[in-house]
Structure formats: structure tokens, C-alpha cells
PDB file of N, CA and C in Angstrom:
ATOM      1  N   MET A   1     -66.355  37.544  -9.275  1.00  0.00           N
ATOM      2  CA  MET A   1     -66.846  38.615  -8.458  1.00  0.00           C
ATOM      3  C   MET A   1     -65.924  38.742  -7.245  1.00  0.00           C
ATOM      4  N   LYS A   2     -65.586  39.976  -6.914  1.00  0.00           N
ATOM      5  CA  LYS A   2     -64.719  40.218  -5.771  1.00  0.00           C
ATOM      6  C   LYS A   2     -65.166  41.498  -5.082  1.00  0.00           C
ATOM      7  N   GLN A   3     -65.157  41.474  -3.749  1.00  0.00           N
ATOM      8  CA  GLN A   3     -65.550  42.634  -2.964  1.00  0.00           C
ATOM      9  C   GLN A   3     -64.662  42.705  -1.726  1.00  0.00           C
ATOM     10  N   THR A   4     -64.273  43.919  -1.333  1.00  0.00           N
ATOM     11  CA  THR A   4     -63.477  44.108  -0.125  1.00  0.00           C
ATOM     12  C   THR A   4     -64.278  44.942   0.865  1.00  0.00           C
ATOM     13  N   TYR A   5     -64.291  44.484   2.102  1.00  0.00           N
ATOM     14  CA  TYR A   5     -65.013  45.156   3.182  1.00  0.00           C
ATOM     15  C   TYR A   5     -64.018  45.527   4.271  1.00  0.00           C
ATOM     16  N   GLN A   6     -64.288  46.603   4.987  1.00  0.00           N
ATOM     17  CA  GLN A   6     -63.468  46.972   6.137  1.00  0.00           C
ATOM     18  C   GLN A   6     -64.250  46.647   7.400  1.00  0.00           C
ATOM     19  N   TYR A   7     -63.560  46.021   8.354  1.00  0.00           N
ATOM     20  CA  TYR A   7     -64.209  45.595   9.585  1.00  0.00           C
ATOM     21  C   TYR A   7     -63.195  45.587  10.719  1.00  0.00           C
ATOM     22  N   GLN A   8     -63.390  46.397  11.725  1.00  0.00           N
ATOM     23  CA  GLN A   8     -62.574  46.474  12.932  1.00  0.00           C
ATOM     24  C   GLN A   8     -61.067  46.532  12.653  1.00  0.00           C
ATOM     25  N   GLY A   9     -60.670  47.371  11.716  1.00  0.00           N
ATOM     26  CA  GLY A   9     -59.256  47.556  11.414  1.00  0.00           C
ATOM     27  C   GLY A   9     -58.678  46.543  10.438  1.00  0.00           C
ATOM     28  N   PHE A  10     -59.512  45.718   9.835  1.00  0.00           N
ATOM     29  CA  PHE A  10     -59.077  44.703   8.881  1.00  0.00           C
ATOM     30  C   PHE A  10     -59.809  44.866   7.554  1.00  0.00           C
ATOM     31  N   ASP A  11     -59.138  44.488   6.488  1.00  0.00           N
ATOM     32  CA  ASP A  11     -59.777  44.349   5.181  1.00  0.00           C
ATOM     33  C   ASP A  11     -60.165  42.887   5.021  1.00  0.00           C
ATOM     34  N   ILE A  12     -61.413  42.646   4.691  1.00  0.00           N
ATOM     35  CA  ILE A  12     -61.891  41.297   4.404  1.00  0.00           C
ATOM     36  C   ILE A  12     -62.217  41.257   2.920  1.00  0.00           C
ATOM     37  N   ALA A  13     -61.357  40.613   2.149  1.00  0.00           N
ATOM     38  CA  ALA A  13     -61.557  40.501   0.701  1.00  0.00           C
ATOM     39  C   ALA A  13     -62.224  39.161   0.413  1.00  0.00           C
ATOM     40  N   VAL A  14     -63.357  39.215  -0.282  1.00  0.00           N
ATOM     41  CA  VAL A  14     -64.100  38.008  -0.609  1.00  0.00           C
ATOM     42  C   VAL A  14     -64.157  37.881  -2.128  1.00  0.00           C
ATOM     43  N   ALA A  15     -63.618  36.792  -2.627  1.00  0.00           N
ATOM     44  CA  ALA A  15     -63.693  36.485  -4.056  1.00  0.00           C
ATOM     45  C   ALA A  15     -64.605  35.275  -4.216  1.00  0.00           C
ATOM     46  N   VAL A  16     -65.461  35.309  -5.225  1.00  0.00           N
ATOM     47  CA  VAL A  16     -66.372  34.200  -5.487  1.00  0.00           C
ATOM     48  C   VAL A  16     -65.873  33.462  -6.719  1.00  0.00           C
ATOM     49  N   GLU A  17     -65.712  32.162  -6.589  1.00  0.00           N
ATOM     50  CA  GLU A  17     -65.254  31.325  -7.699  1.00  0.00           C
ATOM     51  C   GLU A  17     -66.299  30.269  -8.019  1.00  0.00           C
ATOM     52  N   THR A  18     -66.391  29.906  -9.285  1.00  0.00           N
ATOM     53  CA  THR A  18     -67.284  28.835  -9.714  1.00  0.00           C
ATOM     54  C   THR A  18     -66.689  27.496  -9.307  1.00  0.00           C
ATOM     55  N   ASP A  19     -67.536  26.622  -8.788  1.00  0.00           N
ATOM     56  CA  ASP A  19     -67.108  25.284  -8.372  1.00  0.00           C
ATOM     57  C   ASP A  19     -67.863  24.249  -9.197  1.00  0.00           C
ATOM     58  N   LEU A  20     -67.148  23.559 -10.059  1.00  0.00           N
ATOM     59  CA  LEU A  20     -67.744  22.524 -10.906  1.00  0.00           C
ATOM     60  C   LEU A  20     -67.324  21.130 -10.454  1.00  0.00           C
ATOM     61  N   SER A  21     -66.996  20.987  -9.179  1.00  0.00           N
ATOM     62  CA  SER A  21     -66.427  19.730  -8.696  1.00  0.00           C
ATOM     63  C   SER A  21     -67.453  18.602  -8.577  1.00  0.00           C
ATOM     64  N   ARG A  22     -68.727  18.918  -8.445  1.00  0.00           N
ATOM     65  CA  ARG A  22     -69.757  17.874  -8.340  1.00  0.00           C
ATOM     66  C   ARG A  22     -70.028  17.322  -9.730  1.00  0.00           C
ATOM     67  N   LYS A  23     -69.821  16.030  -9.898  1.00  0.00           N
ATOM     68  CA  LYS A  23     -69.959  15.389 -11.215  1.00  0.00           C
ATOM     69  C   LYS A  23     -71.134  14.405 -11.209  1.00  0.00           C
ATOM     70  N   ASP A  24     -71.728  14.218 -12.396  1.00  0.00           N
ATOM     71  CA  ASP A  24     -72.769  13.203 -12.526  1.00  0.00           C
ATOM     72  C   ASP A  24     -72.128  11.870 -12.902  1.00  0.00           C
ATOM     73  N   ALA A  25     -72.936  10.873 -13.218  1.00  0.00           N
ATOM     74  CA  ALA A  25     -72.431   9.533 -13.532  1.00  0.00           C
ATOM     75  C   ALA A  25     -71.534   9.520 -14.767  1.00  0.00           C
ATOM     76  N   ASN A  26     -71.708  10.484 -15.664  1.00  0.00           N
ATOM     77  CA  ASN A  26     -70.893  10.565 -16.884  1.00  0.00           C
ATOM     78  C   ASN A  26     -69.619  11.373 -16.702  1.00  0.00           C
ATOM     79  N   GLY A  27     -69.403  11.891 -15.499  1.00  0.00           N
ATOM     80  CA  GLY A  27     -68.216  12.696 -15.243  1.00  0.00           C
ATOM     81  C   GLY A  27     -68.380  14.149 -15.635  1.00  0.00           C
ATOM     82  N   GLU A  28     -69.595  14.537 -16.037  1.00  0.00           N
ATOM     83  CA  GLU A  28     -69.879  15.926 -16.394  1.00  0.00           C
ATOM     84  C   GLU A  28     -70.277  16.698 -15.138  1.00  0.00           C
ATOM     85  N   PRO A  29     -70.043  18.012 -15.118  1.00  0.00           N
ATOM     86  CA  PRO A  29     -70.473  18.792 -13.951  1.00  0.00           C
ATOM     87  C   PRO A  29     -71.979  18.623 -13.722  1.00  0.00           C
ATOM     88  N   ALA A  30     -72.363  18.238 -12.506  1.00  0.00           N
ATOM     89  CA  ALA A  30     -73.776  18.018 -12.176  1.00  0.00           C
ATOM     90  C   ALA A  30     -74.515  19.337 -12.015  1.00  0.00           C
ATOM     91  N   SER A  31     -73.862  20.317 -11.455  1.00  0.00           N
ATOM     92  CA  SER A  31     -74.471  21.631 -11.274  1.00  0.00           C
ATOM     93  C   SER A  31     -73.367  22.649 -11.031  1.00  0.00           C
ATOM     94  N   VAL A  32     -73.701  23.877 -11.311  1.00  0.00           N
ATOM     95  CA  VAL A  32     -72.752  24.953 -11.055  1.00  0.00           C
ATOM     96  C   VAL A  32     -72.977  25.422  -9.622  1.00  0.00           C
ATOM     97  N   GLY A  33     -71.903  25.546  -8.875  1.00  0.00           N
ATOM     98  CA  GLY A  33     -71.961  26.069  -7.527  1.00  0.00           C
ATOM     99  C   GLY A  33     -70.884  27.127  -7.370  1.00  0.00           C
ATOM    100  N   TYR A  34     -70.856  27.755  -6.225  1.00  0.00           N
ATOM    101  CA  TYR A  34     -69.905  28.839  -5.976  1.00  0.00           C
ATOM    102  C   TYR A  34     -69.274  28.669  -4.602  1.00  0.00           C
ATOM    103  N   VAL A  35     -68.010  29.049  -4.484  1.00  0.00           N
ATOM    104  CA  VAL A  35     -67.312  29.059  -3.202  1.00  0.00           C
ATOM    105  C   VAL A  35     -66.767  30.460  -2.954  1.00  0.00           C
ATOM    106  N   ALA A  36     -66.589  30.779  -1.681  1.00  0.00           N
ATOM    107  CA  ALA A  36     -66.044  32.074  -1.286  1.00  0.00           C
ATOM    108  C   ALA A  36     -64.602  31.881  -0.839  1.00  0.00           C
ATOM    109  N   ILE A  37     -63.710  32.674  -1.393  1.00  0.00           N
ATOM    110  CA  ILE A  37     -62.304  32.692  -0.991  1.00  0.00           C
ATOM    111  C   ILE A  37     -62.102  33.984  -0.201  1.00  0.00           C
ATOM    112  N   VAL A  38     -61.762  33.840   1.085  1.00  0.00           N
ATOM    113  CA  VAL A  38     -61.680  34.992   1.987  1.00  0.00           C
ATOM    114  C   VAL A  38     -60.229  35.235   2.382  1.00  0.00           C
ATOM    115  N   THR A  39     -59.786  36.478   2.186  1.00  0.00           N
ATOM    116  CA  THR A  39     -58.442  36.890   2.585  1.00  0.00           C
ATOM    117  C   THR A  39     -58.582  38.043   3.573  1.00  0.00           C
ATOM    118  N   ILE A  40     -57.921  37.912   4.714  1.00  0.00           N
ATOM    119  CA  ILE A  40     -58.014  38.931   5.764  1.00  0.00           C
ATOM    120  C   ILE A  40     -56.641  39.563   5.954  1.00  0.00           C
ATOM    121  N   SER A  41     -56.603  40.899   5.910  1.00  0.00           N
ATOM    122  CA  SER A  41     -55.355  41.623   6.137  1.00  0.00           C
ATOM    123  C   SER A  41     -55.659  42.878   6.940  1.00  0.00           C
ATOM    124  N   ARG A  42     -54.630  43.444   7.542  1.00  0.00           N
ATOM    125  CA  ARG A  42     -54.807  44.722   8.228  1.00  0.00           C
ATOM    126  C   ARG A  42     -55.057  45.783   7.166  1.00  0.00           C
ATOM    127  N   ILE A  43     -55.849  46.778   7.504  1.00  0.00           N
ATOM    128  CA  ILE A  43     -56.138  47.855   6.554  1.00  0.00           C
ATOM    129  C   ILE A  43     -54.823  48.482   6.105  1.00  0.00           C
ATOM    130  N   ALA A  44     -54.676  48.643   4.809  1.00  0.00           N
ATOM    131  CA  ALA A  44     -53.509  49.249   4.158  1.00  0.00           C
ATOM    132  C   ALA A  44     -52.250  48.388   4.231  1.00  0.00           C
ATOM    133  N   ALA A  45     -52.359  47.145   4.665  1.00  0.00           N
ATOM    134  CA  ALA A  45     -51.193  46.252   4.678  1.00  0.00           C
ATOM    135  C   ALA A  45     -51.191  45.421   3.400  1.00  0.00           C
ATOM    136  N   ALA A  46     -50.028  45.139   2.897  1.00  0.00           N
ATOM    137  CA  ALA A  46     -49.916  44.380   1.659  1.00  0.00           C
ATOM    138  C   ALA A  46     -49.954  42.870   1.880  1.00  0.00           C
ATOM    139  N   VAL A  47     -49.742  42.449   3.122  1.00  0.00           N
ATOM    140  CA  VAL A  47     -49.639  41.022   3.413  1.00  0.00           C
ATOM    141  C   VAL A  47     -50.855  40.568   4.220  1.00  0.00           C
ATOM    142  N   ALA A  48     -51.422  39.423   3.834  1.00  0.00           N
ATOM    143  CA  ALA A  48     -52.568  38.870   4.548  1.00  0.00           C
ATOM    144  C   ALA A  48     -52.155  38.378   5.924  1.00  0.00           C
ATOM    145  N   VAL A  49     -53.102  38.353   6.840  1.00  0.00           N
ATOM    146  CA  VAL A  49     -52.845  37.869   8.196  1.00  0.00           C
ATOM    147  C   VAL A  49     -52.523  36.378   8.157  1.00  0.00           C
ATOM    148  N   PHE A  50     -53.248  35.611   7.357  1.00  0.00           N
ATOM    149  CA  PHE A  50     -52.936  34.208   7.107  1.00  0.00           C
ATOM    150  C   PHE A  50     -53.436  33.825   5.721  1.00  0.00           C
ATOM    151  N   SER A  51     -53.193  32.609   5.326  1.00  0.00           N
ATOM    152  CA  SER A  51     -53.543  32.160   3.977  1.00  0.00           C
ATOM    153  C   SER A  51     -55.033  32.333   3.702  1.00  0.00           C
ATOM    154  N   PRO A  52     -55.399  32.513   2.430  1.00  0.00           N
ATOM    155  CA  PRO A  52     -56.824  32.628   2.094  1.00  0.00           C
ATOM    156  C   PRO A  52     -57.605  31.401   2.555  1.00  0.00           C
ATOM    157  N   LEU A  53     -58.829  31.636   2.978  1.00  0.00           N
ATOM    158  CA  LEU A  53     -59.710  30.583   3.460  1.00  0.00           C
ATOM    159  C   LEU A  53     -60.788  30.316   2.413  1.00  0.00           C
ATOM    160  N   ARG A  54     -61.114  29.052   2.210  1.00  0.00           N
ATOM    161  CA  ARG A  54     -62.116  28.668   1.206  1.00  0.00           C
ATOM    162  C   ARG A  54     -63.368  28.172   1.925  1.00  0.00           C
ATOM    163  N   PHE A  55     -64.508  28.804   1.631  1.00  0.00           N
ATOM    164  CA  PHE A  55     -65.761  28.466   2.292  1.00  0.00           C
ATOM    165  C   PHE A  55     -66.813  28.032   1.287  1.00  0.00           C
ATOM    166  N   GLY A  56     -67.525  26.958   1.639  1.00  0.00           N
ATOM    167  CA  GLY A  56     -68.726  26.534   0.935  1.00  0.00           C
ATOM    168  C   GLY A  56     -69.833  26.453   1.971  1.00  0.00           C
ATOM    169  N   GLU A  57     -70.977  25.962   1.566  1.00  0.00           N
ATOM    170  CA  GLU A  57     -72.073  25.790   2.521  1.00  0.00           C
ATOM    171  C   GLU A  57     -71.745  24.656   3.476  1.00  0.00           C
ATOM    172  N   SER A  58     -72.582  24.488   4.469  1.00  0.00           N
ATOM    173  CA  SER A  58     -72.380  23.382   5.394  1.00  0.00           C
ATOM    174  C   SER A  58     -72.451  22.067   4.641  1.00  0.00           C
ATOM    175  N   GLN A  59     -71.842  21.060   5.161  1.00  0.00           N
ATOM    176  CA  GLN A  59     -71.741  19.726   4.555  1.00  0.00           C
ATOM    177  C   GLN A  59     -70.863  19.722   3.309  1.00  0.00           C
ATOM    178  N   GLY A  60     -70.043  20.764   3.133  1.00  0.00           N
ATOM    179  CA  GLY A  60     -69.057  20.767   2.069  1.00  0.00           C
ATOM    180  C   GLY A  60     -69.573  21.001   0.670  1.00  0.00           C
ATOM    181  N   THR A  61     -70.816  21.414   0.519  1.00  0.00           N
ATOM    182  CA  THR A  61     -71.351  21.664  -0.819  1.00  0.00           C
ATOM    183  C   THR A  61     -71.153  23.127  -1.187  1.00  0.00           C
ATOM    184  N   PRO A  62     -71.072  23.434  -2.478  1.00  0.00           N
ATOM    185  CA  PRO A  62     -70.911  24.833  -2.878  1.00  0.00           C
ATOM    186  C   PRO A  62     -72.221  25.609  -2.718  1.00  0.00           C
ATOM    187  N   PHE A  63     -72.118  26.924  -2.685  1.00  0.00           N
ATOM    188  CA  PHE A  63     -73.294  27.789  -2.627  1.00  0.00           C
ATOM    189  C   PHE A  63     -74.024  27.736  -3.965  1.00  0.00           C
ATOM    190  N   THR A  64     -75.325  28.014  -3.936  1.00  0.00           N
ATOM    191  CA  THR A  64     -76.110  27.962  -5.167  1.00  0.00           C
ATOM    192  C   THR A  64     -76.094  29.273  -5.944  1.00  0.00           C
ATOM    193  N   SER A  65     -75.663  30.367  -5.305  1.00  0.00           N
ATOM    194  CA  SER A  65     -75.593  31.650  -6.016  1.00  0.00           C
ATOM    195  C   SER A  65     -74.333  32.409  -5.614  1.00  0.00           C
ATOM    196  N   GLU A  66     -73.910  33.296  -6.501  1.00  0.00           N
ATOM    197  CA  GLU A  66     -72.748  34.132  -6.204  1.00  0.00           C
ATOM    198  C   GLU A  66     -73.019  35.039  -5.006  1.00  0.00           C
ATOM    199  N   HIS A  67     -74.225  35.567  -4.923  1.00  0.00           N
ATOM    200  CA  HIS A  67     -74.581  36.466  -3.825  1.00  0.00           C
ATOM    201  C   HIS A  67     -74.494  35.746  -2.483  1.00  0.00           C
ATOM    202  N   ASP A  68     -75.015  34.524  -2.403  1.00  0.00           N
ATOM    203  CA  ASP A  68     -74.921  33.749  -1.155  1.00  0.00           C
ATOM    204  C   ASP A  68     -73.469  33.507  -0.769  1.00  0.00           C
ATOM    205  N   ALA A  69     -72.635  33.183  -1.747  1.00  0.00           N
ATOM    206  CA  ALA A  69     -71.214  32.947  -1.471  1.00  0.00           C
ATOM    207  C   ALA A  69     -70.538  34.224  -0.978  1.00  0.00           C
ATOM    208  N   LEU A  70     -70.844  35.346  -1.603  1.00  0.00           N
ATOM    209  CA  LEU A  70     -70.238  36.619  -1.231  1.00  0.00           C
ATOM    210  C   LEU A  70     -70.624  37.019   0.201  1.00  0.00           C
ATOM    211  N   MET A  71     -71.905  36.973   0.509  1.00  0.00           N
ATOM    212  CA  MET A  71     -72.365  37.379   1.838  1.00  0.00           C
ATOM    213  C   MET A  71     -71.915  36.404   2.924  1.00  0.00           C
ATOM    214  N   SER A  72     -71.917  35.126   2.622  1.00  0.00           N
ATOM    215  CA  SER A  72     -71.464  34.131   3.598  1.00  0.00           C
ATOM    216  C   SER A  72     -69.963  34.242   3.831  1.00  0.00           C
ATOM    217  N   GLY A  73     -69.201  34.535   2.789  1.00  0.00           N
ATOM    218  CA  GLY A  73     -67.763  34.741   2.945  1.00  0.00           C
ATOM    219  C   GLY A  73     -67.464  35.931   3.827  1.00  0.00           C
ATOM    220  N   TYR A  74     -68.220  37.016   3.636  1.00  0.00           N
ATOM    221  CA  TYR A  74     -68.043  38.206   4.474  1.00  0.00           C
ATOM    222  C   TYR A  74     -68.397  37.891   5.930  1.00  0.00           C
ATOM    223  N   SER A  75     -69.495  37.195   6.152  1.00  0.00           N
ATOM    224  CA  SER A  75     -69.896  36.817   7.521  1.00  0.00           C
ATOM    225  C   SER A  75     -68.839  35.942   8.178  1.00  0.00           C
ATOM    226  N   ALA A  76     -68.314  34.984   7.434  1.00  0.00           N
ATOM    227  CA  ALA A  76     -67.276  34.100   7.974  1.00  0.00           C
ATOM    228  C   ALA A  76     -66.015  34.903   8.293  1.00  0.00           C
ATOM    229  N   GLY A  77     -65.652  35.833   7.426  1.00  0.00           N
ATOM    230  CA  GLY A  77     -64.486  36.670   7.675  1.00  0.00           C
ATOM    231  C   GLY A  77     -64.638  37.509   8.933  1.00  0.00           C
ATOM    232  N   ARG A  78     -65.833  38.051   9.151  1.00  0.00           N
ATOM    233  CA  ARG A  78     -66.085  38.816  10.382  1.00  0.00           C
ATOM    234  C   ARG A  78     -65.958  37.936  11.612  1.00  0.00           C
ATOM    235  N   ARG A  79     -66.461  36.699  11.540  1.00  0.00           N
ATOM    236  CA  ARG A  79     -66.336  35.795  12.684  1.00  0.00           C
ATOM    237  C   ARG A  79     -64.876  35.472  12.987  1.00  0.00           C
ATOM    238  N   VAL A  80     -64.071  35.297  11.941  1.00  0.00           N
ATOM    239  CA  VAL A  80     -62.639  35.034  12.147  1.00  0.00           C
ATOM    240  C   VAL A  80     -61.989  36.229  12.844  1.00  0.00           C
ATOM    241  N   VAL A  81     -62.289  37.434  12.367  1.00  0.00           N
ATOM    242  CA  VAL A  81     -61.728  38.636  13.005  1.00  0.00           C
ATOM    243  C   VAL A  81     -62.170  38.708  14.461  1.00  0.00           C
ATOM    244  N   ASP A  82     -63.454  38.516  14.707  1.00  0.00           N
ATOM    245  CA  ASP A  82     -63.976  38.603  16.081  1.00  0.00           C
ATOM    246  C   ASP A  82     -63.372  37.543  16.997  1.00  0.00           C
ATOM    247  N   ASP A  83     -63.275  36.314  16.505  1.00  0.00           N
ATOM    248  CA  ASP A  83     -62.841  35.198  17.351  1.00  0.00           C
ATOM    249  C   ASP A  83     -61.336  35.076  17.509  1.00  0.00           C
ATOM    250  N   LEU A  84     -60.587  35.429  16.471  1.00  0.00           N
ATOM    251  CA  LEU A  84     -59.146  35.164  16.500  1.00  0.00           C
ATOM    252  C   LEU A  84     -58.253  36.399  16.516  1.00  0.00           C
ATOM    253  N   LEU A  85     -58.736  37.511  15.991  1.00  0.00           N
ATOM    254  CA  LEU A  85     -57.828  38.630  15.762  1.00  0.00           C
ATOM    255  C   LEU A  85     -58.074  39.847  16.643  1.00  0.00           C
ATOM    256  N   THR A  86     -59.196  39.891  17.313  1.00  0.00           N
ATOM    257  CA  THR A  86     -59.453  41.017  18.218  1.00  0.00           C
ATOM    258  C   THR A  86     -59.762  40.477  19.607  1.00  0.00           C
ATOM    259  N   SER A  87     -59.560  41.299  20.600  1.00  0.00           N
ATOM    260  CA  SER A  87     -59.838  40.833  21.962  1.00  0.00           C
ATOM    261  C   SER A  87     -61.002  41.551  22.580  1.00  0.00           C
TER     262      SER A  87
END
């Protein structure tokens, strides 16, 4: 799943990826989780402002749903724009 949002002159692209990194005692995936990959670029620019950022829930665990990952990635992207890229 991938979605692009426009916010204060920037494109915030959020891609959701499946995270199977949590393993049980047998080495099998313990549960399916999701992470948000956020790329921020100026509107209509081909190059990102900086490298894509990877977000999971607090404490380093993946999100439990694609929707949570998508919305949290967008929120995190807006905070980055607000805190680092605009004055």
C-alpha cells in the first residue's frame, strides 16, 4: 500500500511494508506487523529531501494494521516537515 499526501509545499509519500521480523521459538514469524516507509520531497521535485525514514510503533514494534502504519507514517512525516523543514 502506498499513498502520497501534500503538506506545506512537500510531498509526503508513505509506503506500508509487511514486517515479519518477530520470530517465535521455532524461528517462524510470530505475527504479521507493518512498518511505514516515509519519503519527503518538495512538490514536483524528483529528489527526496533526505533518505526514506522507517517508522514502527513505539518500543520498536511493528504496527498491527496497514491503516495504522499509513496514518502514523503521514503524521510522522508532517512532524518532520513542521520541525525541520519549515520555519
